[in-house]
PDB file of N, CA and C in Angstrom:
ATOM      1  N   MET A   1     -27.649 -51.737  25.966  1.00  0.00           N
ATOM      2  CA  MET A   1     -28.474 -50.774  25.318  1.00  0.00           C
ATOM      3  C   MET A   1     -28.382 -49.418  26.023  1.00  0.00           C
ATOM      4  N   ASN A   2     -28.170 -49.408  27.286  1.00  0.00           N
ATOM      5  CA  ASN A   2     -28.034 -48.186  28.051  1.00  0.00           C
ATOM      6  C   ASN A   2     -26.787 -47.418  27.606  1.00  0.00           C
ATOM      7  N   LYS A   3     -25.729 -48.183  27.320  1.00  0.00           N
ATOM      8  CA  LYS A   3     -24.483 -47.556  26.868  1.00  0.00           C
ATOM      9  C   LYS A   3     -24.678 -46.923  25.493  1.00  0.00           C
ATOM     10  N   ARG A   4     -25.477 -47.543  24.656  1.00  0.00           N
ATOM     11  CA  ARG A   4     -25.735 -47.033  23.320  1.00  0.00           C
ATOM     12  C   ARG A   4     -26.534 -45.720  23.393  1.00  0.00           C
ATOM     13  N   LYS A   5     -27.497 -45.608  24.293  1.00  0.00           N
ATOM     14  CA  LYS A   5     -28.276 -44.388  24.462  1.00  0.00           C
ATOM     15  C   LYS A   5     -27.379 -43.247  24.939  1.00  0.00           C
ATOM     16  N   LYS A   6     -26.441 -43.565  25.828  1.00  0.00           N
ATOM     17  CA  LYS A   6     -25.519 -42.541  26.330  1.00  0.00           C
ATOM     18  C   LYS A   6     -24.630 -42.032  25.202  1.00  0.00           C
ATOM     19  N   SER A   7     -24.171 -42.927  24.329  1.00  0.00           N
ATOM     20  CA  SER A   7     -23.288 -42.494  23.245  1.00  0.00           C
ATOM     21  C   SER A   7     -24.056 -41.636  22.241  1.00  0.00           C
ATOM     22  N   LYS A   8     -25.346 -41.976  21.967  1.00  0.00           N
ATOM     23  CA  LYS A   8     -26.151 -41.150  21.061  1.00  0.00           C
ATOM     24  C   LYS A   8     -26.416 -39.791  21.695  1.00  0.00           C
ATOM     25  N   LEU A   9     -26.713 -39.773  22.967  1.00  0.00           N
ATOM     26  CA  LEU A   9     -26.966 -38.522  23.666  1.00  0.00           C
ATOM     27  C   LEU A   9     -25.704 -37.660  23.686  1.00  0.00           C
ATOM     28  N   GLY A  10     -24.585 -38.261  23.935  1.00  0.00           N
ATOM     29  CA  GLY A  10     -23.319 -37.531  23.936  1.00  0.00           C
ATOM     30  C   GLY A  10     -23.005 -36.986  22.556  1.00  0.00           C
ATOM     31  N   PHE A  11     -23.275 -37.797  21.520  1.00  0.00           N
ATOM     32  CA  PHE A  11     -23.033 -37.361  20.141  1.00  0.00           C
ATOM     33  C   PHE A  11     -23.901 -36.155  19.808  1.00  0.00           C
ATOM     34  N   PHE A  12     -25.175 -36.188  20.169  1.00  0.00           N
ATOM     35  CA  PHE A  12     -26.073 -35.068  19.895  1.00  0.00           C
ATOM     36  C   PHE A  12     -25.671 -33.817  20.671  1.00  0.00           C
ATOM     37  N   ILE A  13     -25.188 -34.009  21.891  1.00  0.00           N
ATOM     38  CA  ILE A  13     -24.719 -32.858  22.673  1.00  0.00           C
ATOM     39  C   ILE A  13     -23.501 -32.234  22.013  1.00  0.00           C
ATOM     40  N   VAL A  14     -22.581 -33.037  21.545  1.00  0.00           N
ATOM     41  CA  VAL A  14     -21.379 -32.524  20.870  1.00  0.00           C
ATOM     42  C   VAL A  14     -21.762 -31.801  19.581  1.00  0.00           C
ATOM     43  N   VAL A  15     -22.666 -32.389  18.805  1.00  0.00           N
ATOM     44  CA  VAL A  15     -23.119 -31.753  17.565  1.00  0.00           C
ATOM     45  C   VAL A  15     -23.823 -30.432  17.878  1.00  0.00           C
ATOM     46  N   ALA A  16     -24.653 -30.422  18.903  1.00  0.00           N
ATOM     47  CA  ALA A  16     -25.340 -29.189  19.288  1.00  0.00           C
ATOM     48  C   ALA A  16     -24.339 -28.117  19.717  1.00  0.00           C
ATOM     49  N   LEU A  17     -23.325 -28.492  20.456  1.00  0.00           N
ATOM     50  CA  LEU A  17     -22.286 -27.528  20.861  1.00  0.00           C
ATOM     51  C   LEU A  17     -21.526 -27.004  19.658  1.00  0.00           C
ATOM     52  N   ILE A  18     -21.212 -27.872  18.721  1.00  0.00           N
ATOM     53  CA  ILE A  18     -20.495 -27.436  17.514  1.00  0.00           C
ATOM     54  C   ILE A  18     -21.350 -26.455  16.725  1.00  0.00           C
ATOM     55  N   ILE A  19     -22.636 -26.749  16.576  1.00  0.00           N
ATOM     56  CA  ILE A  19     -23.534 -25.838  15.859  1.00  0.00           C
ATOM     57  C   ILE A  19     -23.648 -24.510  16.599  1.00  0.00           C
ATOM     58  N   TYR A  20     -23.758 -24.554  17.906  1.00  0.00           N
ATOM     59  CA  TYR A  20     -23.848 -23.333  18.705  1.00  0.00           C
ATOM     60  C   TYR A  20     -22.595 -22.480  18.549  1.00  0.00           C
ATOM     61  N   PHE A  21     -21.417 -23.108  18.640  1.00  0.00           N
ATOM     62  CA  PHE A  21     -20.165 -22.352  18.507  1.00  0.00           C
ATOM     63  C   PHE A  21     -20.003 -21.797  17.103  1.00  0.00           C
ATOM     64  N   ALA A  22     -20.418 -22.558  16.093  1.00  0.00           N
ATOM     65  CA  ALA A  22     -20.336 -22.063  14.714  1.00  0.00           C
ATOM     66  C   ALA A  22     -21.243 -20.847  14.536  1.00  0.00           C
ATOM     67  N   TYR A  23     -22.454 -20.940  15.052  1.00  0.00           N
ATOM     68  CA  TYR A  23     -23.392 -19.821  14.976  1.00  0.00           C
ATOM     69  C   TYR A  23     -22.833 -18.597  15.701  1.00  0.00           C
ATOM     70  N   THR A  24     -22.272 -18.811  16.878  1.00  0.00           N
ATOM     71  CA  THR A  24     -21.709 -17.711  17.661  1.00  0.00           C
ATOM     72  C   THR A  24     -20.543 -17.064  16.927  1.00  0.00           C
ATOM     73  N   ILE A  25     -19.678 -17.859  16.345  1.00  0.00           N
ATOM     74  CA  ILE A  25     -18.526 -17.319  15.614  1.00  0.00           C
ATOM     75  C   ILE A  25     -18.990 -16.513  14.406  1.00  0.00           C
ATOM     76  N   ILE A  26     -19.970 -17.018  13.673  1.00  0.00           N
ATOM     77  CA  ILE A  26     -20.470 -16.303  12.493  1.00  0.00           C
ATOM     78  C   ILE A  26     -21.123 -14.988  12.895  1.00  0.00           C
ATOM     79  N   SER A  27     -21.931 -15.006  13.939  1.00  0.00           N
ATOM     80  CA  SER A  27     -22.585 -13.765  14.363  1.00  0.00           C
ATOM     81  C   SER A  27     -21.563 -12.755  14.895  1.00  0.00           C
ATOM     82  N   GLN A  28     -20.546 -13.229  15.588  1.00  0.00           N
ATOM     83  CA  GLN A  28     -19.495 -12.334  16.083  1.00  0.00           C
ATOM     84  C   GLN A  28     -18.701 -11.743  14.914  1.00  0.00           C
ATOM     85  N   GLN A  29     -18.483 -12.523  13.876  1.00  0.00           N
ATOM     86  CA  GLN A  29     -17.750 -12.033  12.702  1.00  0.00           C
ATOM     87  C   GLN A  29     -18.555 -10.938  11.999  1.00  0.00           C
ATOM     88  N   LYS A  30     -19.867 -11.129  11.887  1.00  0.00           N
ATOM     89  CA  LYS A  30     -20.713 -10.097  11.290  1.00  0.00           C
ATOM     90  C   LYS A  30     -20.657  -8.815  12.116  1.00  0.00           C
ATOM     91  N   LEU A  31     -20.743  -8.961  13.432  1.00  0.00           N
ATOM     92  CA  LEU A  31     -20.677  -7.802  14.313  1.00  0.00           C
ATOM     93  C   LEU A  31     -19.327  -7.095  14.182  1.00  0.00           C
ATOM     94  N   LEU A  32     -18.269  -7.868  14.107  1.00  0.00           N
ATOM     95  CA  LEU A  32     -16.928  -7.301  13.950  1.00  0.00           C
ATOM     96  C   LEU A  32     -16.801  -6.552  12.629  1.00  0.00           C
ATOM     97  N   ASN A  33     -17.347  -7.104  11.563  1.00  0.00           N
ATOM     98  CA  ASN A  33     -17.297  -6.423  10.263  1.00  0.00           C
ATOM     99  C   ASN A  33     -18.071  -5.109  10.305  1.00  0.00           C
ATOM    100  N   ASN A  34     -19.221  -5.097  10.967  1.00  0.00           N
ATOM    101  CA  ASN A  34     -19.991  -3.857  11.100  1.00  0.00           C
ATOM    102  C   ASN A  34     -19.220  -2.806  11.892  1.00  0.00           C
ATOM    103  N   LYS A  35     -18.566  -3.231  12.955  1.00  0.00           N
ATOM    104  CA  LYS A  35     -17.781  -2.299  13.771  1.00  0.00           C
ATOM    105  C   LYS A  35     -16.585  -1.752  12.988  1.00  0.00           C
ATOM    106  N   LYS A  36     -15.957  -2.610  12.175  1.00  0.00           N
ATOM    107  CA  LYS A  36     -14.832  -2.144  11.353  1.00  0.00           C
ATOM    108  C   LYS A  36     -15.297  -1.119  10.330  1.00  0.00           C
ATOM    109  N   ALA A  37     -16.462  -1.364   9.727  1.00  0.00           N
ATOM    110  CA  ALA A  37     -17.005  -0.410   8.761  1.00  0.00           C
ATOM    111  C   ALA A  37     -17.311   0.921   9.439  1.00  0.00           C
ATOM    112  N   ALA A  38     -17.875   0.878  10.629  1.00  0.00           N
ATOM    113  CA  ALA A  38     -18.166   2.107  11.367  1.00  0.00           C
ATOM    114  C   ALA A  38     -16.873   2.837  11.740  1.00  0.00           C
ATOM    115  N   LEU A  39     -15.850   2.086  12.106  1.00  0.00           N
ATOM    116  CA  LEU A  39     -14.565   2.697  12.433  1.00  0.00           C
ATOM    117  C   LEU A  39     -13.946   3.362  11.213  1.00  0.00           C
ATOM    118  N   ASN A  40     -14.022   2.702  10.065  1.00  0.00           N
ATOM    119  CA  ASN A  40     -13.487   3.294   8.835  1.00  0.00           C
ATOM    120  C   ASN A  40     -14.242   4.563   8.463  1.00  0.00           C
ATOM    121  N   ALA A  41     -15.553   4.551   8.627  1.00  0.00           N
ATOM    122  CA  ALA A  41     -16.351   5.745   8.340  1.00  0.00           C
ATOM    123  C   ALA A  41     -15.981   6.880   9.297  1.00  0.00           C
ATOM    124  N   ALA A  42     -15.788   6.549  10.557  1.00  0.00           N
ATOM    125  CA  ALA A  42     -15.402   7.572  11.540  1.00  0.00           C
ATOM    126  C   ALA A  42     -14.010   8.121  11.232  1.00  0.00           C
ATOM    127  N   ASN A  43     -13.098   7.259  10.799  1.00  0.00           N
ATOM    128  CA  ASN A  43     -11.755   7.726  10.435  1.00  0.00           C
ATOM    129  C   ASN A  43     -11.800   8.640   9.221  1.00  0.00           C
ATOM    130  N   ASP A  44     -12.630   8.308   8.236  1.00  0.00           N
ATOM    131  CA  ASP A  44     -12.770   9.169   7.061  1.00  0.00           C
ATOM    132  C   ASP A  44     -13.341  10.527   7.454  1.00  0.00           C
ATOM    133  N   LYS A  45     -14.353  10.512   8.315  1.00  0.00           N
ATOM    134  CA  LYS A  45     -14.950  11.765   8.785  1.00  0.00           C
ATOM    135  C   LYS A  45     -13.920  12.592   9.562  1.00  0.00           C
ATOM    136  N   TYR A  46     -13.111  11.916  10.363  1.00  0.00           N
ATOM    137  CA  TYR A  46     -12.074  12.600  11.133  1.00  0.00           C
ATOM    138  C   TYR A  46     -11.056  13.270  10.206  1.00  0.00           C
ATOM    139  N   LYS A  47     -10.662  12.562   9.151  1.00  0.00           N
ATOM    140  CA  LYS A  47      -9.708  13.135   8.191  1.00  0.00           C
ATOM    141  C   LYS A  47     -10.299  14.338   7.477  1.00  0.00           C
ATOM    142  N   GLN A  48     -11.586  14.265   7.121  1.00  0.00           N
ATOM    143  CA  GLN A  48     -12.243  15.402   6.480  1.00  0.00           C
ATOM    144  C   GLN A  48     -12.294  16.599   7.432  1.00  0.00           C
ATOM    145  N   GLU A  49     -12.632  16.340   8.670  1.00  0.00           N
ATOM    146  CA  GLU A  49     -12.704  17.425   9.652  1.00  0.00           C
ATOM    147  C   GLU A  49     -11.323  18.029   9.907  1.00  0.00           C
ATOM    148  N   GLN A  50     -10.288  17.194   9.896  1.00  0.00           N
ATOM    149  CA  GLN A  50      -8.930  17.722  10.054  1.00  0.00           C
ATOM    150  C   GLN A  50      -8.562  18.632   8.894  1.00  0.00           C
ATOM    151  N   LYS A  51      -8.949  18.253   7.670  1.00  0.00           N
ATOM    152  CA  LYS A  51      -8.657  19.080   6.500  1.00  0.00           C
ATOM    153  C   LYS A  51      -9.396  20.408   6.596  1.00  0.00           C
ATOM    154  N   ILE A  52     -10.664  20.355   6.990  1.00  0.00           N
ATOM    155  CA  ILE A  52     -11.442  21.591   7.155  1.00  0.00           C
ATOM    156  C   ILE A  52     -10.807  22.473   8.227  1.00  0.00           C
ATOM    157  N   ASN A  53     -10.376  21.867   9.320  1.00  0.00           N
ATOM    158  CA  ASN A  53      -9.729  22.614  10.400  1.00  0.00           C
ATOM    159  C   ASN A  53      -8.438  23.265   9.914  1.00  0.00           C
ATOM    160  N   LYS A  54      -7.659  22.518   9.133  1.00  0.00           N
ATOM    161  CA  LYS A  54      -6.405  23.069   8.596  1.00  0.00           C
ATOM    162  C   LYS A  54      -6.690  24.240   7.667  1.00  0.00           C
ATOM    163  N   ASP A  55      -7.711  24.080   6.798  1.00  0.00           N
ATOM    164  CA  ASP A  55      -8.066  25.165   5.881  1.00  0.00           C
ATOM    165  C   ASP A  55      -8.531  26.405   6.654  1.00  0.00           C
ATOM    166  N   LEU A  56      -9.312  26.199   7.692  1.00  0.00           N
ATOM    167  CA  LEU A  56      -9.777  27.341   8.491  1.00  0.00           C
ATOM    168  C   LEU A  56      -8.625  28.013   9.228  1.00  0.00           C
ATOM    169  N   ASN A  57      -7.685  27.219   9.726  1.00  0.00           N
ATOM    170  CA  ASN A  57      -6.519  27.811  10.393  1.00  0.00           C
ATOM    171  C   ASN A  57      -5.658  28.589   9.403  1.00  0.00           C
ATOM    172  N   ASP A  58      -5.530  28.073   8.171  1.00  0.00           N
ATOM    173  CA  ASP A  58      -4.790  28.809   7.146  1.00  0.00           C
ATOM    174  C   ASP A  58      -5.480  30.129   6.824  1.00  0.00           C
ATOM    175  N   GLU A  59      -6.807  30.076   6.695  1.00  0.00           N
ATOM    176  CA  GLU A  59      -7.559  31.296   6.402  1.00  0.00           C
ATOM    177  C   GLU A  59      -7.481  32.274   7.573  1.00  0.00           C
ATOM    178  N   LYS A  60      -7.470  31.739   8.777  1.00  0.00           N
ATOM    179  CA  LYS A  60      -7.360  32.588   9.964  1.00  0.00           C
ATOM    180  C   LYS A  60      -6.042  33.352   9.944  1.00  0.00           C
ATOM    181  N   GLY A  61      -4.991  32.710   9.483  1.00  0.00           N
ATOM    182  CA  GLY A  61      -3.700  33.383   9.389  1.00  0.00           C
ATOM    183  C   GLY A  61      -3.680  34.466   8.331  1.00  0.00           C
ATOM    184  N   LYS A  62      -4.507  34.311   7.299  1.00  0.00           N
ATOM    185  CA  LYS A  62      -4.540  35.292   6.206  1.00  0.00           C
ATOM    186  C   LYS A  62      -5.452  36.480   6.497  1.00  0.00           C
ATOM    187  N   VAL A  63      -6.319  36.358   7.475  1.00  0.00           N
ATOM    188  CA  VAL A  63      -7.337  37.382   7.733  1.00  0.00           C
ATOM    189  C   VAL A  63      -6.719  38.745   8.025  1.00  0.00           C
ATOM    190  N   ASN A  64      -5.639  38.798   8.709  1.00  0.00           N
ATOM    191  CA  ASN A  64      -5.047  40.081   9.087  1.00  0.00           C
ATOM    192  C   ASN A  64      -4.098  40.648   8.049  1.00  0.00           C
ATOM    193  N   SER A  65      -4.098  40.093   6.835  1.00  0.00           N
ATOM    194  CA  SER A  65      -3.195  40.602   5.803  1.00  0.00           C
ATOM    195  C   SER A  65      -3.916  41.627   4.926  1.00  0.00           C
ATOM    196  N   ASP A  66      -3.141  42.484   4.287  1.00  0.00           N
ATOM    197  CA  ASP A  66      -3.703  43.502   3.396  1.00  0.00           C
ATOM    198  C   ASP A  66      -4.380  42.865   2.185  1.00  0.00           C
ATOM    199  N   GLU A  67      -3.821  41.760   1.704  1.00  0.00           N
ATOM    200  CA  GLU A  67      -4.412  41.091   0.548  1.00  0.00           C
ATOM    201  C   GLU A  67      -5.834  40.605   0.863  1.00  0.00           C
ATOM    202  N   TYR A  68      -6.040  40.115   2.071  1.00  0.00           N
ATOM    203  CA  TYR A  68      -7.367  39.641   2.459  1.00  0.00           C
ATOM    204  C   TYR A  68      -8.352  40.808   2.529  1.00  0.00           C
ATOM    205  N   TYR A  69      -7.931  41.930   3.106  1.00  0.00           N
ATOM    206  CA  TYR A  69      -8.797  43.095   3.184  1.00  0.00           C
ATOM    207  C   TYR A  69      -9.182  43.570   1.786  1.00  0.00           C
ATOM    208  N   GLU A  70      -8.212  43.570   0.886  1.00  0.00           N
ATOM    209  CA  GLU A  70      -8.476  43.993  -0.486  1.00  0.00           C
ATOM    210  C   GLU A  70      -9.446  43.035  -1.178  1.00  0.00           C
ATOM    211  N   LYS A  71      -9.259  41.747  -0.974  1.00  0.00           N
ATOM    212  CA  LYS A  71     -10.121  40.740  -1.575  1.00  0.00           C
ATOM    213  C   LYS A  71     -11.558  40.893  -1.083  1.00  0.00           C
ATOM    214  N   VAL A  72     -11.735  41.088   0.205  1.00  0.00           N
ATOM    215  CA  VAL A  72     -13.078  41.261   0.767  1.00  0.00           C
ATOM    216  C   VAL A  72     -13.712  42.544   0.243  1.00  0.00           C
ATOM    217  N   ALA A  73     -12.937  43.612   0.180  1.00  0.00           N
ATOM    218  CA  ALA A  73     -13.467  44.890  -0.296  1.00  0.00           C
ATOM    219  C   ALA A  73     -13.918  44.780  -1.750  1.00  0.00           C
ATOM    220  N   ARG A  74     -13.152  44.072  -2.570  1.00  0.00           N
ATOM    221  CA  ARG A  74     -13.507  43.941  -3.981  1.00  0.00           C
ATOM    222  C   ARG A  74     -14.691  42.993  -4.188  1.00  0.00           C
ATOM    223  N   GLU A  75     -14.617  41.802  -3.601  1.00  0.00           N
ATOM    224  CA  GLU A  75     -15.607  40.768  -3.892  1.00  0.00           C
ATOM    225  C   GLU A  75     -16.922  40.963  -3.156  1.00  0.00           C
ATOM    226  N   GLN A  76     -16.868  41.345  -1.899  1.00  0.00           N
ATOM    227  CA  GLN A  76     -18.099  41.410  -1.119  1.00  0.00           C
ATOM    228  C   GLN A  76     -18.687  42.821  -1.047  1.00  0.00           C
ATOM    229  N   LEU A  77     -17.842  43.821  -1.057  1.00  0.00           N
ATOM    230  CA  LEU A  77     -18.331  45.192  -0.913  1.00  0.00           C
ATOM    231  C   LEU A  77     -18.385  45.950  -2.235  1.00  0.00           C
ATOM    232  N   GLY A  78     -17.802  45.386  -3.302  1.00  0.00           N
ATOM    233  CA  GLY A  78     -17.843  46.024  -4.613  1.00  0.00           C
ATOM    234  C   GLY A  78     -16.988  47.269  -4.717  1.00  0.00           C
ATOM    235  N   MET A  79     -15.963  47.399  -3.904  1.00  0.00           N
ATOM    236  CA  MET A  79     -15.112  48.578  -3.925  1.00  0.00           C
ATOM    237  C   MET A  79     -14.012  48.404  -4.973  1.00  0.00           C
ATOM    238  N   VAL A  80     -13.469  49.531  -5.429  1.00  0.00           N
ATOM    239  CA  VAL A  80     -12.373  49.520  -6.402  1.00  0.00           C
ATOM    240  C   VAL A  80     -11.308  50.505  -5.949  1.00  0.00           C
ATOM    241  N   LYS A  81     -10.117  50.326  -6.504  1.00  0.00           N
ATOM    242  CA  LYS A  81      -9.031  51.263  -6.197  1.00  0.00           C
ATOM    243  C   LYS A  81      -9.251  52.553  -6.984  1.00  0.00           C
ATOM    244  N   PRO A  82      -8.725  53.652  -6.467  1.00  0.00           N
ATOM    245  CA  PRO A  82      -8.851  54.916  -7.211  1.00  0.00           C
ATOM    246  C   PRO A  82      -8.145  54.813  -8.565  1.00  0.00           C
ATOM    247  N   GLY A  83      -8.814  55.265  -9.622  1.00  0.00           N
ATOM    248  CA  GLY A  83      -8.244  55.263 -10.956  1.00  0.00           C
ATOM    249  C   GLY A  83      -8.509  53.983 -11.744  1.00  0.00           C
ATOM    250  N   GLU A  84      -9.135  52.995 -11.124  1.00  0.00           N
ATOM    251  CA  GLU A  84      -9.441  51.762 -11.857  1.00  0.00           C
ATOM    252  C   GLU A  84     -10.687  51.952 -12.716  1.00  0.00           C
ATOM    253  N   LYS A  85     -10.715  51.298 -13.842  1.00  0.00           N
ATOM    254  CA  LYS A  85     -11.880  51.341 -14.726  1.00  0.00           C
ATOM    255  C   LYS A  85     -12.692  50.079 -14.496  1.00  0.00           C
ATOM    256  N   ILE A  86     -13.993  50.250 -14.435  1.00  0.00           N
ATOM    257  CA  ILE A  86     -14.890  49.120 -14.180  1.00  0.00           C
ATOM    258  C   ILE A  86     -15.606  48.796 -15.472  1.00  0.00           C
ATOM    259  N   PHE A  87     -15.558  47.527 -15.852  1.00  0.00           N
ATOM    260  CA  PHE A  87     -16.272  47.049 -17.019  1.00  0.00           C
ATOM    261  C   PHE A  87     -17.431  46.181 -16.545  1.00  0.00           C
ATOM    262  N   VAL A  88     -18.622  46.478 -17.053  1.00  0.00           N
ATOM    263  CA  VAL A  88     -19.810  45.736 -16.658  1.00  0.00           C
ATOM    264  C   VAL A  88     -20.260  44.890 -17.828  1.00  0.00           C
ATOM    265  N   ASP A  89     -20.481  43.623 -17.590  1.00  0.00           N
ATOM    266  CA  ASP A  89     -20.955  42.709 -18.622  1.00  0.00           C
ATOM    267  C   ASP A  89     -22.477  42.765 -18.629  1.00  0.00           C
ATOM    268  N   PRO A  90     -23.076  43.247 -19.732  1.00  0.00           N
ATOM    269  CA  PRO A  90     -24.548  43.400 -19.753  1.00  0.00           C
ATOM    270  C   PRO A  90     -25.273  42.045 -19.832  1.00  0.00           C
ATOM    271  N   ASN A  91     -24.555  40.960 -20.131  1.00  0.00           N
ATOM    272  CA  ASN A  91     -25.181  39.651 -20.246  1.00  0.00           C
ATOM    273  C   ASN A  91     -25.402  38.988 -18.879  1.00  0.00           C
ATOM    274  N   LYS A  92     -24.835  39.518 -17.857  1.00  0.00           N
ATOM    275  CA  LYS A  92     -24.968  38.885 -16.527  1.00  0.00           C
ATOM    276  C   LYS A  92     -26.104  39.474 -15.754  1.00  0.00           C
TER     277      LYS A  92
END
């Protein structure tokens, strides 16, 4: 009977270890999935920031051109070239 108690105790210990390892694996998988999602979000943000940086560098290169000065003068300062006719839309 002593041998039978040892085998039941050993069986329960093995089952408990299997349940523990299964629980640990499942929780680690959830954690891994969360980390992968965070990494993907960070990569997307990085790509967006790279695009913004590229656009700003392109604009920085255009700042010293005559076309840029003309664009700023027309759009932001309301200036016109000599001899140009200005049409005003009364509906705006």
